[in-house]
PDB file of all heavy atoms in Angstrom:
ATOM      1  N   ARG A   1      11.686 -16.364  -6.055  1.00  0.00           N
ATOM      2  CA  ARG A   1      10.325 -16.538  -5.552  1.00  0.00           C
ATOM      3  C   ARG A   1       9.335 -16.460  -6.702  1.00  0.00           C
ATOM      4  O   ARG A   1       9.611 -15.863  -7.745  1.00  0.00           O
ATOM      5  CB  ARG A   1      10.003 -15.506  -4.485  1.00  0.00           C
ATOM      6  CG  ARG A   1       9.876 -14.091  -4.974  1.00  0.00           C
ATOM      7  CD  ARG A   1       9.220 -13.236  -3.888  1.00  0.00           C
ATOM      8  NE  ARG A   1       9.183 -11.848  -4.231  1.00  0.00           N
ATOM      9  CZ  ARG A   1       8.324 -11.287  -5.077  1.00  0.00           C
ATOM     10  NH1 ARG A   1       7.436 -12.019  -5.713  1.00  0.00           N
ATOM     11  NH2 ARG A   1       8.358  -9.992  -5.320  1.00  0.00           N
ATOM     12  N   GLN A   2       8.204 -17.048  -6.494  1.00  0.00           N
ATOM     13  CA  GLN A   2       7.133 -17.005  -7.477  1.00  0.00           C
ATOM     14  C   GLN A   2       6.539 -15.594  -7.515  1.00  0.00           C
ATOM     15  O   GLN A   2       6.578 -14.876  -6.513  1.00  0.00           O
ATOM     16  CB  GLN A   2       6.037 -18.013  -7.102  1.00  0.00           C
ATOM     17  CG  GLN A   2       6.476 -19.455  -7.180  1.00  0.00           C
ATOM     18  CD  GLN A   2       6.802 -19.851  -8.594  1.00  0.00           C
ATOM     19  OE1 GLN A   2       6.026 -19.609  -9.511  1.00  0.00           O
ATOM     20  NE2 GLN A   2       7.962 -20.456  -8.787  1.00  0.00           N
ATOM     21  N   PRO A   3       5.952 -15.198  -8.641  1.00  0.00           N
ATOM     22  CA  PRO A   3       5.261 -13.906  -8.692  1.00  0.00           C
ATOM     23  C   PRO A   3       4.136 -13.897  -7.659  1.00  0.00           C
ATOM     24  O   PRO A   3       3.557 -14.937  -7.340  1.00  0.00           O
ATOM     25  CB  PRO A   3       4.687 -13.855 -10.106  1.00  0.00           C
ATOM     26  CG  PRO A   3       5.503 -14.829 -10.889  1.00  0.00           C
ATOM     27  CD  PRO A   3       5.934 -15.888  -9.923  1.00  0.00           C
ATOM     28  N   LEU A   4       3.845 -12.733  -7.131  1.00  0.00           N
ATOM     29  CA  LEU A   4       2.787 -12.680  -6.130  1.00  0.00           C
ATOM     30  C   LEU A   4       1.707 -11.686  -6.520  1.00  0.00           C
ATOM     31  O   LEU A   4       1.932 -10.754  -7.293  1.00  0.00           O
ATOM     32  CB  LEU A   4       3.346 -12.351  -4.747  1.00  0.00           C
ATOM     33  CG  LEU A   4       3.916 -10.967  -4.494  1.00  0.00           C
ATOM     34  CD1 LEU A   4       2.870 -10.134  -3.774  1.00  0.00           C
ATOM     35  CD2 LEU A   4       5.133 -11.093  -3.603  1.00  0.00           C
ATOM     36  N   ASP A   5       0.514 -11.940  -6.024  1.00  0.00           N
ATOM     37  CA  ASP A   5      -0.619 -11.035  -6.133  1.00  0.00           C
ATOM     38  C   ASP A   5      -0.833 -10.459  -4.748  1.00  0.00           C
ATOM     39  O   ASP A   5      -1.042 -11.202  -3.784  1.00  0.00           O
ATOM     40  CB  ASP A   5      -1.886 -11.763  -6.584  1.00  0.00           C
ATOM     41  CG  ASP A   5      -1.835 -12.210  -8.032  1.00  0.00           C
ATOM     42  OD1 ASP A   5      -0.964 -11.707  -8.781  1.00  0.00           O
ATOM     43  OD2 ASP A   5      -2.658 -13.050  -8.430  1.00  0.00           O
ATOM     44  N   LEU A   6      -0.760  -9.142  -4.644  1.00  0.00           N
ATOM     45  CA  LEU A   6      -0.883  -8.459  -3.360  1.00  0.00           C
ATOM     46  C   LEU A   6      -2.080  -7.522  -3.410  1.00  0.00           C
ATOM     47  O   LEU A   6      -2.230  -6.753  -4.363  1.00  0.00           O
ATOM     48  CB  LEU A   6       0.398  -7.674  -3.074  1.00  0.00           C
ATOM     49  CG  LEU A   6       0.460  -6.905  -1.768  1.00  0.00           C
ATOM     50  CD1 LEU A   6       0.480  -7.859  -0.588  1.00  0.00           C
ATOM     51  CD2 LEU A   6       1.701  -6.030  -1.745  1.00  0.00           C
ATOM     52  N   VAL A   7      -2.942  -7.606  -2.402  1.00  0.00           N
ATOM     53  CA  VAL A   7      -4.081  -6.700  -2.301  1.00  0.00           C
ATOM     54  C   VAL A   7      -3.891  -5.846  -1.062  1.00  0.00           C
ATOM     55  O   VAL A   7      -3.797  -6.364   0.051  1.00  0.00           O
ATOM     56  CB  VAL A   7      -5.425  -7.469  -2.222  1.00  0.00           C
ATOM     57  CG1 VAL A   7      -6.583  -6.498  -2.083  1.00  0.00           C
ATOM     58  CG2 VAL A   7      -5.605  -8.364  -3.449  1.00  0.00           C
ATOM     59  N   ALA A   8      -3.792  -4.542  -1.254  1.00  0.00           N
ATOM     60  CA  ALA A   8      -3.683  -3.600  -0.143  1.00  0.00           C
ATOM     61  C   ALA A   8      -5.085  -3.095   0.161  1.00  0.00           C
ATOM     62  O   ALA A   8      -5.765  -2.546  -0.710  1.00  0.00           O
ATOM     63  CB  ALA A   8      -2.769  -2.434  -0.514  1.00  0.00           C
ATOM     64  N   VAL A   9      -5.535  -3.309   1.385  1.00  0.00           N
ATOM     65  CA  VAL A   9      -6.860  -2.868   1.817  1.00  0.00           C
ATOM     66  C   VAL A   9      -6.659  -1.660   2.727  1.00  0.00           C
ATOM     67  O   VAL A   9      -6.027  -1.757   3.777  1.00  0.00           O
ATOM     68  CB  VAL A   9      -7.622  -3.997   2.543  1.00  0.00           C
ATOM     69  CG1 VAL A   9      -9.001  -3.528   2.953  1.00  0.00           C
ATOM     70  CG2 VAL A   9      -7.716  -5.232   1.647  1.00  0.00           C
ATOM     71  N   ILE A  10      -7.183  -0.515   2.300  1.00  0.00           N
ATOM     72  CA  ILE A  10      -6.944   0.755   2.963  1.00  0.00           C
ATOM     73  C   ILE A  10      -8.209   1.217   3.678  1.00  0.00           C
ATOM     74  O   ILE A  10      -9.264   1.372   3.057  1.00  0.00           O
ATOM     75  CB  ILE A  10      -6.517   1.844   1.944  1.00  0.00           C
ATOM     76  CG1 ILE A  10      -5.374   1.354   1.047  1.00  0.00           C
ATOM     77  CG2 ILE A  10      -6.176   3.143   2.656  1.00  0.00           C
ATOM     78  CD1 ILE A  10      -4.126   0.975   1.757  1.00  0.00           C
ATOM     79  N   ASP A  11      -8.096   1.451   4.973  1.00  0.00           N
ATOM     80  CA  ASP A  11      -9.205   1.960   5.782  1.00  0.00           C
ATOM     81  C   ASP A  11      -9.366   3.452   5.504  1.00  0.00           C
ATOM     82  O   ASP A  11      -8.448   4.238   5.728  1.00  0.00           O
ATOM     83  CB  ASP A  11      -8.894   1.731   7.263  1.00  0.00           C
ATOM     84  CG  ASP A  11      -9.983   2.214   8.202  1.00  0.00           C
ATOM     85  OD1 ASP A  11     -10.983   2.795   7.731  1.00  0.00           O
ATOM     86  OD2 ASP A  11      -9.824   2.027   9.416  1.00  0.00           O
ATOM     87  N   THR A  12     -10.509   3.845   4.979  1.00  0.00           N
ATOM     88  CA  THR A  12     -10.780   5.261   4.696  1.00  0.00           C
ATOM     89  C   THR A  12     -11.913   5.785   5.570  1.00  0.00           C
ATOM     90  O   THR A  12     -12.506   6.814   5.268  1.00  0.00           O
ATOM     91  CB  THR A  12     -11.120   5.477   3.203  1.00  0.00           C
ATOM     92  OG1 THR A  12     -12.226   4.654   2.861  1.00  0.00           O
ATOM     93  CG2 THR A  12      -9.929   5.152   2.316  1.00  0.00           C
ATOM     94  N   SER A  13     -12.177   5.088   6.661  1.00  0.00           N
ATOM     95  CA  SER A  13     -13.251   5.501   7.563  1.00  0.00           C
ATOM     96  C   SER A  13     -12.840   6.744   8.348  1.00  0.00           C
ATOM     97  O   SER A  13     -11.712   7.224   8.237  1.00  0.00           O
ATOM     98  CB  SER A  13     -13.604   4.362   8.526  1.00  0.00           C
ATOM     99  OG  SER A  13     -12.525   4.134   9.414  1.00  0.00           O
ATOM    100  N   GLY A  14     -13.717   7.243   9.157  1.00  0.00           N
ATOM    101  CA  GLY A  14     -13.472   8.441   9.954  1.00  0.00           C
ATOM    102  C   GLY A  14     -12.247   8.345  10.836  1.00  0.00           C
ATOM    103  O   GLY A  14     -11.581   9.348  11.090  1.00  0.00           O
ATOM    104  N   SER A  15     -11.913   7.143  11.282  1.00  0.00           N
ATOM    105  CA  SER A  15     -10.742   6.986  12.151  1.00  0.00           C
ATOM    106  C   SER A  15      -9.437   7.297  11.410  1.00  0.00           C
ATOM    107  O   SER A  15      -8.403   7.494  12.035  1.00  0.00           O
ATOM    108  CB  SER A  15     -10.679   5.573  12.730  1.00  0.00           C
ATOM    109  OG  SER A  15     -10.462   4.626  11.712  1.00  0.00           O
ATOM    110  N   MET A  16      -9.492   7.341  10.094  1.00  0.00           N
ATOM    111  CA  MET A  16      -8.301   7.639   9.294  1.00  0.00           C
ATOM    112  C   MET A  16      -8.294   9.085   8.801  1.00  0.00           C
ATOM    113  O   MET A  16      -7.502   9.437   7.943  1.00  0.00           O
ATOM    114  CB  MET A  16      -8.236   6.689   8.089  1.00  0.00           C
ATOM    115  CG  MET A  16      -7.924   5.263   8.467  1.00  0.00           C
ATOM    116  SD  MET A  16      -6.306   5.061   9.216  1.00  0.00           S
ATOM    117  CE  MET A  16      -5.248   5.336   7.806  1.00  0.00           C
ATOM    118  N   SER A  17      -9.149   9.920   9.342  1.00  0.00           N
ATOM    119  CA  SER A  17      -9.258  11.298   8.845  1.00  0.00           C
ATOM    120  C   SER A  17      -8.039  12.153   9.180  1.00  0.00           C
ATOM    121  O   SER A  17      -7.823  13.188   8.564  1.00  0.00           O
ATOM    122  CB  SER A  17     -10.531  11.958   9.394  1.00  0.00           C
ATOM    123  OG  SER A  17     -10.462  12.047  10.810  1.00  0.00           O
ATOM    124  N   ASP A  18      -7.235  11.731  10.128  1.00  0.00           N
ATOM    125  CA  ASP A  18      -6.006  12.440  10.462  1.00  0.00           C
ATOM    126  C   ASP A  18      -5.066  12.428   9.255  1.00  0.00           C
ATOM    127  O   ASP A  18      -4.711  11.371   8.744  1.00  0.00           O
ATOM    128  CB  ASP A  18      -5.334  11.760  11.667  1.00  0.00           C
ATOM    129  CG  ASP A  18      -4.023  12.415  12.084  1.00  0.00           C
ATOM    130  OD1 ASP A  18      -3.578  13.367  11.424  1.00  0.00           O
ATOM    131  OD2 ASP A  18      -3.451  11.952  13.087  1.00  0.00           O
ATOM    132  N   GLN A  19      -4.674  13.599   8.790  1.00  0.00           N
ATOM    133  CA  GLN A  19      -3.837  13.720   7.590  1.00  0.00           C
ATOM    134  C   GLN A  19      -2.522  12.951   7.732  1.00  0.00           C
ATOM    135  O   GLN A  19      -2.028  12.397   6.763  1.00  0.00           O
ATOM    136  CB  GLN A  19      -3.568  15.195   7.294  1.00  0.00           C
ATOM    137  CG  GLN A  19      -3.023  15.450   5.912  1.00  0.00           C
ATOM    138  CD  GLN A  19      -3.996  15.083   4.794  1.00  0.00           C
ATOM    139  OE1 GLN A  19      -5.206  15.053   4.972  1.00  0.00           O
ATOM    140  NE2 GLN A  19      -3.462  14.765   3.648  1.00  0.00           N
ATOM    141  N   ASN A  20      -1.960  12.906   8.933  1.00  0.00           N
ATOM    142  CA  ASN A  20      -0.699  12.184   9.138  1.00  0.00           C
ATOM    143  C   ASN A  20      -0.860  10.692   8.864  1.00  0.00           C
ATOM    144  O   ASN A  20       0.044  10.057   8.326  1.00  0.00           O
ATOM    145  CB  ASN A  20      -0.173  12.397  10.557  1.00  0.00           C
ATOM    146  CG  ASN A  20       0.298  13.820  10.774  1.00  0.00           C
ATOM    147  OD1 ASN A  20       0.754  14.486   9.851  1.00  0.00           O
ATOM    148  ND2 ASN A  20       0.171  14.295  11.997  1.00  0.00           N
ATOM    149  N   LYS A  21      -1.994  10.126   9.238  1.00  0.00           N
ATOM    150  CA  LYS A  21      -2.244   8.707   8.984  1.00  0.00           C
ATOM    151  C   LYS A  21      -2.285   8.443   7.484  1.00  0.00           C
ATOM    152  O   LYS A  21      -1.734   7.453   6.995  1.00  0.00           O
ATOM    153  CB  LYS A  21      -3.549   8.253   9.626  1.00  0.00           C
ATOM    154  CG  LYS A  21      -3.499   8.178  11.135  1.00  0.00           C
ATOM    155  CD  LYS A  21      -4.835   7.714  11.682  1.00  0.00           C
ATOM    156  CE  LYS A  21      -4.836   7.684  13.195  1.00  0.00           C
ATOM    157  NZ  LYS A  21      -6.141   7.294  13.727  1.00  0.00           N
ATOM    158  N   LEU A  22      -2.941   9.329   6.742  1.00  0.00           N
ATOM    159  CA  LEU A  22      -3.043   9.136   5.297  1.00  0.00           C
ATOM    160  C   LEU A  22      -1.680   9.270   4.622  1.00  0.00           C
ATOM    161  O   LEU A  22      -1.381   8.562   3.665  1.00  0.00           O
ATOM    162  CB  LEU A  22      -4.048  10.120   4.696  1.00  0.00           C
ATOM    163  CG  LEU A  22      -5.493   9.892   5.130  1.00  0.00           C
ATOM    164  CD1 LEU A  22      -6.401  10.982   4.565  1.00  0.00           C
ATOM    165  CD2 LEU A  22      -5.982   8.524   4.700  1.00  0.00           C
ATOM    166  N   VAL A  23      -0.836  10.162   5.114  1.00  0.00           N
ATOM    167  CA  VAL A  23       0.515  10.310   4.579  1.00  0.00           C
ATOM    168  C   VAL A  23       1.301   9.016   4.816  1.00  0.00           C
ATOM    169  O   VAL A  23       2.018   8.541   3.919  1.00  0.00           O
ATOM    170  CB  VAL A  23       1.235  11.525   5.199  1.00  0.00           C
ATOM    171  CG1 VAL A  23       2.714  11.514   4.870  1.00  0.00           C
ATOM    172  CG2 VAL A  23       0.587  12.819   4.732  1.00  0.00           C
ATOM    173  N   LEU A  24       1.162   8.423   5.996  1.00  0.00           N
ATOM    174  CA  LEU A  24       1.849   7.165   6.292  1.00  0.00           C
ATOM    175  C   LEU A  24       1.377   6.041   5.375  1.00  0.00           C
ATOM    176  O   LEU A  24       2.176   5.234   4.896  1.00  0.00           O
ATOM    177  CB  LEU A  24       1.654   6.779   7.754  1.00  0.00           C
ATOM    178  CG  LEU A  24       2.404   7.616   8.779  1.00  0.00           C
ATOM    179  CD1 LEU A  24       1.972   7.246  10.198  1.00  0.00           C
ATOM    180  CD2 LEU A  24       3.903   7.442   8.618  1.00  0.00           C
ATOM    181  N   VAL A  25       0.076   5.991   5.124  1.00  0.00           N
ATOM    182  CA  VAL A  25      -0.476   4.971   4.227  1.00  0.00           C
ATOM    183  C   VAL A  25       0.097   5.161   2.820  1.00  0.00           C
ATOM    184  O   VAL A  25       0.546   4.204   2.175  1.00  0.00           O
ATOM    185  CB  VAL A  25      -2.017   5.018   4.198  1.00  0.00           C
ATOM    186  CG1 VAL A  25      -2.575   4.168   3.069  1.00  0.00           C
ATOM    187  CG2 VAL A  25      -2.587   4.571   5.534  1.00  0.00           C
ATOM    188  N   LYS A  26       0.095   6.399   2.340  1.00  0.00           N
ATOM    189  CA  LYS A  26       0.617   6.695   1.004  1.00  0.00           C
ATOM    190  C   LYS A  26       2.098   6.323   0.912  1.00  0.00           C
ATOM    191  O   LYS A  26       2.517   5.684  -0.060  1.00  0.00           O
ATOM    192  CB  LYS A  26       0.427   8.175   0.680  1.00  0.00           C
ATOM    193  CG  LYS A  26       0.915   8.554  -0.684  1.00  0.00           C
ATOM    194  CD  LYS A  26       0.710  10.037  -0.954  1.00  0.00           C
ATOM    195  CE  LYS A  26       1.274  10.390  -2.299  1.00  0.00           C
ATOM    196  NZ  LYS A  26       2.207  11.472  -2.278  1.00  0.00           N
ATOM    197  N   ASP A  27       2.879   6.712   1.894  1.00  0.00           N
ATOM    198  CA  ASP A  27       4.306   6.384   1.893  1.00  0.00           C
ATOM    199  C   ASP A  27       4.522   4.876   1.910  1.00  0.00           C
ATOM    200  O   ASP A  27       5.416   4.353   1.227  1.00  0.00           O
ATOM    201  CB  ASP A  27       5.009   7.025   3.088  1.00  0.00           C
ATOM    202  CG  ASP A  27       5.124   8.536   2.970  1.00  0.00           C
ATOM    203  OD1 ASP A  27       4.876   9.091   1.868  1.00  0.00           O
ATOM    204  OD2 ASP A  27       5.454   9.174   3.996  1.00  0.00           O
ATOM    205  N   SER A  28       3.708   4.163   2.678  1.00  0.00           N
ATOM    206  CA  SER A  28       3.827   2.698   2.751  1.00  0.00           C
ATOM    207  C   SER A  28       3.503   2.052   1.408  1.00  0.00           C
ATOM    208  O   SER A  28       4.191   1.126   0.975  1.00  0.00           O
ATOM    209  CB  SER A  28       2.899   2.148   3.830  1.00  0.00           C
ATOM    210  OG  SER A  28       3.266   2.642   5.092  1.00  0.00           O
ATOM    211  N   LEU A  29       2.465   2.542   0.744  1.00  0.00           N
ATOM    212  CA  LEU A  29       2.102   2.005  -0.573  1.00  0.00           C
ATOM    213  C   LEU A  29       3.214   2.259  -1.583  1.00  0.00           C
ATOM    214  O   LEU A  29       3.554   1.372  -2.371  1.00  0.00           O
ATOM    215  CB  LEU A  29       0.798   2.623  -1.071  1.00  0.00           C
ATOM    216  CG  LEU A  29      -0.476   2.052  -0.471  1.00  0.00           C
ATOM    217  CD1 LEU A  29      -1.680   2.889  -0.901  1.00  0.00           C
ATOM    218  CD2 LEU A  29      -0.661   0.605  -0.880  1.00  0.00           C
ATOM    219  N   GLU A  30       3.780   3.457  -1.561  1.00  0.00           N
ATOM    220  CA  GLU A  30       4.877   3.770  -2.483  1.00  0.00           C
ATOM    221  C   GLU A  30       6.072   2.851  -2.229  1.00  0.00           C
ATOM    222  O   GLU A  30       6.692   2.347  -3.176  1.00  0.00           O
ATOM    223  CB  GLU A  30       5.287   5.230  -2.355  1.00  0.00           C
ATOM    224  CG  GLU A  30       4.277   6.179  -2.965  1.00  0.00           C
ATOM    225  CD  GLU A  30       4.645   7.653  -2.793  1.00  0.00           C
ATOM    226  OE1 GLU A  30       5.710   7.953  -2.208  1.00  0.00           O
ATOM    227  OE2 GLU A  30       3.854   8.490  -3.248  1.00  0.00           O
ATOM    228  N   PHE A  31       6.391   2.606  -0.964  1.00  0.00           N
ATOM    229  CA  PHE A  31       7.486   1.703  -0.628  1.00  0.00           C
ATOM    230  C   PHE A  31       7.199   0.305  -1.164  1.00  0.00           C
ATOM    231  O   PHE A  31       8.066  -0.332  -1.783  1.00  0.00           O
ATOM    232  CB  PHE A  31       7.706   1.661   0.886  1.00  0.00           C
ATOM    233  CG  PHE A  31       8.750   0.674   1.300  1.00  0.00           C
ATOM    234  CD1 PHE A  31      10.095   0.987   1.184  1.00  0.00           C
ATOM    235  CD2 PHE A  31       8.392  -0.574   1.790  1.00  0.00           C
ATOM    236  CE1 PHE A  31      11.076   0.071   1.550  1.00  0.00           C
ATOM    237  CE2 PHE A  31       9.355  -1.497   2.161  1.00  0.00           C
ATOM    238  CZ  PHE A  31      10.701  -1.171   2.036  1.00  0.00           C
ATOM    239  N   MET A  32       5.975  -0.178  -0.944  1.00  0.00           N
ATOM    240  CA  MET A  32       5.603  -1.514  -1.420  1.00  0.00           C
ATOM    241  C   MET A  32       5.744  -1.613  -2.931  1.00  0.00           C
ATOM    242  O   MET A  32       6.290  -2.589  -3.453  1.00  0.00           O
ATOM    243  CB  MET A  32       4.145  -1.826  -1.050  1.00  0.00           C
ATOM    244  CG  MET A  32       3.973  -2.572   0.209  1.00  0.00           C
ATOM    245  SD  MET A  32       2.299  -3.185   0.505  1.00  0.00           S
ATOM    246  CE  MET A  32       1.220  -2.157  -0.423  1.00  0.00           C
ATOM    247  N   ILE A  33       5.244  -0.620  -3.629  1.00  0.00           N
ATOM    248  CA  ILE A  33       5.281  -0.637  -5.094  1.00  0.00           C
ATOM    249  C   ILE A  33       6.719  -0.731  -5.591  1.00  0.00           C
ATOM    250  O   ILE A  33       7.018  -1.478  -6.518  1.00  0.00           O
ATOM    251  CB  ILE A  33       4.554   0.603  -5.659  1.00  0.00           C
ATOM    252  CG1 ILE A  33       3.051   0.451  -5.443  1.00  0.00           C
ATOM    253  CG2 ILE A  33       4.886   0.803  -7.132  1.00  0.00           C
ATOM    254  CD1 ILE A  33       2.256   1.716  -5.686  1.00  0.00           C
ATOM    255  N   HIS A  34       7.631  -0.018  -4.954  1.00  0.00           N
ATOM    256  CA  HIS A  34       9.028  -0.045  -5.381  1.00  0.00           C
ATOM    257  C   HIS A  34       9.706  -1.378  -5.065  1.00  0.00           C
ATOM    258  O   HIS A  34      10.712  -1.720  -5.696  1.00  0.00           O
ATOM    259  CB  HIS A  34       9.808   1.112  -4.761  1.00  0.00           C
ATOM    260  CG  HIS A  34       9.413   2.433  -5.331  1.00  0.00           C
ATOM    261  ND1 HIS A  34       9.567   2.764  -6.657  1.00  0.00           N
ATOM    262  CD2 HIS A  34       8.844   3.514  -4.754  1.00  0.00           C
ATOM    263  CE1 HIS A  34       9.122   3.979  -6.880  1.00  0.00           C
ATOM    264  NE2 HIS A  34       8.674   4.461  -5.740  1.00  0.00           N
ATOM    265  N   GLN A  35       9.166  -2.136  -4.120  1.00  0.00           N
ATOM    266  CA  GLN A  35       9.751  -3.438  -3.766  1.00  0.00           C
ATOM    267  C   GLN A  35       9.235  -4.560  -4.660  1.00  0.00           C
ATOM    268  O   GLN A  35       9.874  -5.615  -4.756  1.00  0.00           O
ATOM    269  CB  GLN A  35       9.442  -3.791  -2.299  1.00  0.00           C
ATOM    270  CG  GLN A  35       9.962  -2.790  -1.298  1.00  0.00           C
ATOM    271  CD  GLN A  35      11.436  -2.510  -1.446  1.00  0.00           C
ATOM    272  OE1 GLN A  35      12.242  -3.418  -1.492  1.00  0.00           O
ATOM    273  NE2 GLN A  35      11.790  -1.237  -1.543  1.00  0.00           N
ATOM    274  N   LEU A  36       8.103  -4.347  -5.300  1.00  0.00           N
ATOM    275  CA  LEU A  36       7.501  -5.400  -6.116  1.00  0.00           C
ATOM    276  C   LEU A  36       8.271  -5.576  -7.415  1.00  0.00           C
ATOM    277  O   LEU A  36       8.816  -4.630  -7.977  1.00  0.00           O
ATOM    278  CB  LEU A  36       6.037  -5.076  -6.408  1.00  0.00           C
ATOM    279  CG  LEU A  36       5.124  -5.103  -5.180  1.00  0.00           C
ATOM    280  CD1 LEU A  36       3.736  -4.584  -5.534  1.00  0.00           C
ATOM    281  CD2 LEU A  36       5.040  -6.500  -4.592  1.00  0.00           C
ATOM    282  N   LYS A  37       8.286  -6.794  -7.897  1.00  0.00           N
ATOM    283  CA  LYS A  37       8.963  -7.130  -9.153  1.00  0.00           C
ATOM    284  C   LYS A  37       7.980  -6.942 -10.312  1.00  0.00           C
ATOM    285  O   LYS A  37       6.763  -6.947 -10.107  1.00  0.00           O
ATOM    286  CB  LYS A  37       9.463  -8.572  -9.095  1.00  0.00           C
ATOM    287  CG  LYS A  37      10.476  -8.803  -7.984  1.00  0.00           C
ATOM    288  CD  LYS A  37      10.978 -10.218  -8.009  1.00  0.00           C
ATOM    289  CE  LYS A  37      11.922 -10.515  -6.886  1.00  0.00           C
ATOM    290  NZ  LYS A  37      13.111  -9.749  -6.823  1.00  0.00           N
ATOM    291  N   PRO A  38       8.478  -6.792 -11.535  1.00  0.00           N
ATOM    292  CA  PRO A  38       7.587  -6.602 -12.692  1.00  0.00           C
ATOM    293  C   PRO A  38       6.592  -7.745 -12.888  1.00  0.00           C
ATOM    294  O   PRO A  38       5.534  -7.548 -13.480  1.00  0.00           O
ATOM    295  CB  PRO A  38       8.555  -6.515 -13.879  1.00  0.00           C
ATOM    296  CG  PRO A  38       9.839  -6.060 -13.279  1.00  0.00           C
ATOM    297  CD  PRO A  38       9.883  -6.663 -11.892  1.00  0.00           C
ATOM    298  N   THR A  39       6.901  -8.922 -12.370  1.00  0.00           N
ATOM    299  CA  THR A  39       6.002 -10.070 -12.520  1.00  0.00           C
ATOM    300  C   THR A  39       4.924 -10.112 -11.429  1.00  0.00           C
ATOM    301  O   THR A  39       4.019 -10.931 -11.493  1.00  0.00           O
ATOM    302  CB  THR A  39       6.797 -11.386 -12.486  1.00  0.00           C
ATOM    303  OG1 THR A  39       7.569 -11.411 -11.282  1.00  0.00           O
ATOM    304  CG2 THR A  39       7.700 -11.498 -13.696  1.00  0.00           C
ATOM    305  N   ASP A  40       5.033  -9.240 -10.433  1.00  0.00           N
ATOM    306  CA  ASP A  40       4.045  -9.182  -9.353  1.00  0.00           C
ATOM    307  C   ASP A  40       2.852  -8.339  -9.797  1.00  0.00           C
ATOM    308  O   ASP A  40       2.943  -7.542 -10.728  1.00  0.00           O
ATOM    309  CB  ASP A  40       4.654  -8.562  -8.091  1.00  0.00           C
ATOM    310  CG  ASP A  40       5.779  -9.396  -7.514  1.00  0.00           C
ATOM    311  OD1 ASP A  40       5.761 -10.628  -7.690  1.00  0.00           O
ATOM    312  OD2 ASP A  40       6.675  -8.800  -6.889  1.00  0.00           O
ATOM    313  N   ARG A  41       1.737  -8.521  -9.086  1.00  0.00           N
ATOM    314  CA  ARG A  41       0.545  -7.709  -9.353  1.00  0.00           C
ATOM    315  C   ARG A  41       0.044  -7.127  -8.041  1.00  0.00           C
ATOM    316  O   ARG A  41       0.141  -7.754  -6.990  1.00  0.00           O
ATOM    317  CB  ARG A  41      -0.554  -8.551 -10.003  1.00  0.00           C
ATOM    318  CG  ARG A  41      -0.155  -9.110 -11.344  1.00  0.00           C
ATOM    319  CD  ARG A  41      -1.292  -9.760 -12.091  1.00  0.00           C
ATOM    320  NE  ARG A  41      -1.937 -10.816 -11.301  1.00  0.00           N
ATOM    321  CZ  ARG A  41      -3.076 -11.402 -11.642  1.00  0.00           C
ATOM    322  NH1 ARG A  41      -3.711 -11.046 -12.755  1.00  0.00           N
ATOM    323  NH2 ARG A  41      -3.595 -12.344 -10.892  1.00  0.00           N
ATOM    324  N   LEU A  42      -0.494  -5.914  -8.128  1.00  0.00           N
ATOM    325  CA  LEU A  42      -1.007  -5.209  -6.963  1.00  0.00           C
ATOM    326  C   LEU A  42      -2.429  -4.750  -7.236  1.00  0.00           C
ATOM    327  O   LEU A  42      -2.759  -4.309  -8.337  1.00  0.00           O
ATOM    328  CB  LEU A  42      -0.133  -3.984  -6.655  1.00  0.00           C
ATOM    329  CG  LEU A  42      -0.625  -3.049  -5.547  1.00  0.00           C
ATOM    330  CD1 LEU A  42      -0.563  -3.726  -4.175  1.00  0.00           C
ATOM    331  CD2 LEU A  42       0.168  -1.757  -5.538  1.00  0.00           C
TER     332      LEU A  42
END
């Protein structure tokens, strides 16, 4: 596949104030980062 540019847009509004939601977002970002190839950009 061609290299990709990925933009993660994270909602930090009051609706995300629940600590569990932020942990899920962080875990998801870490998973994404580990799946990306060195030629990809985030």
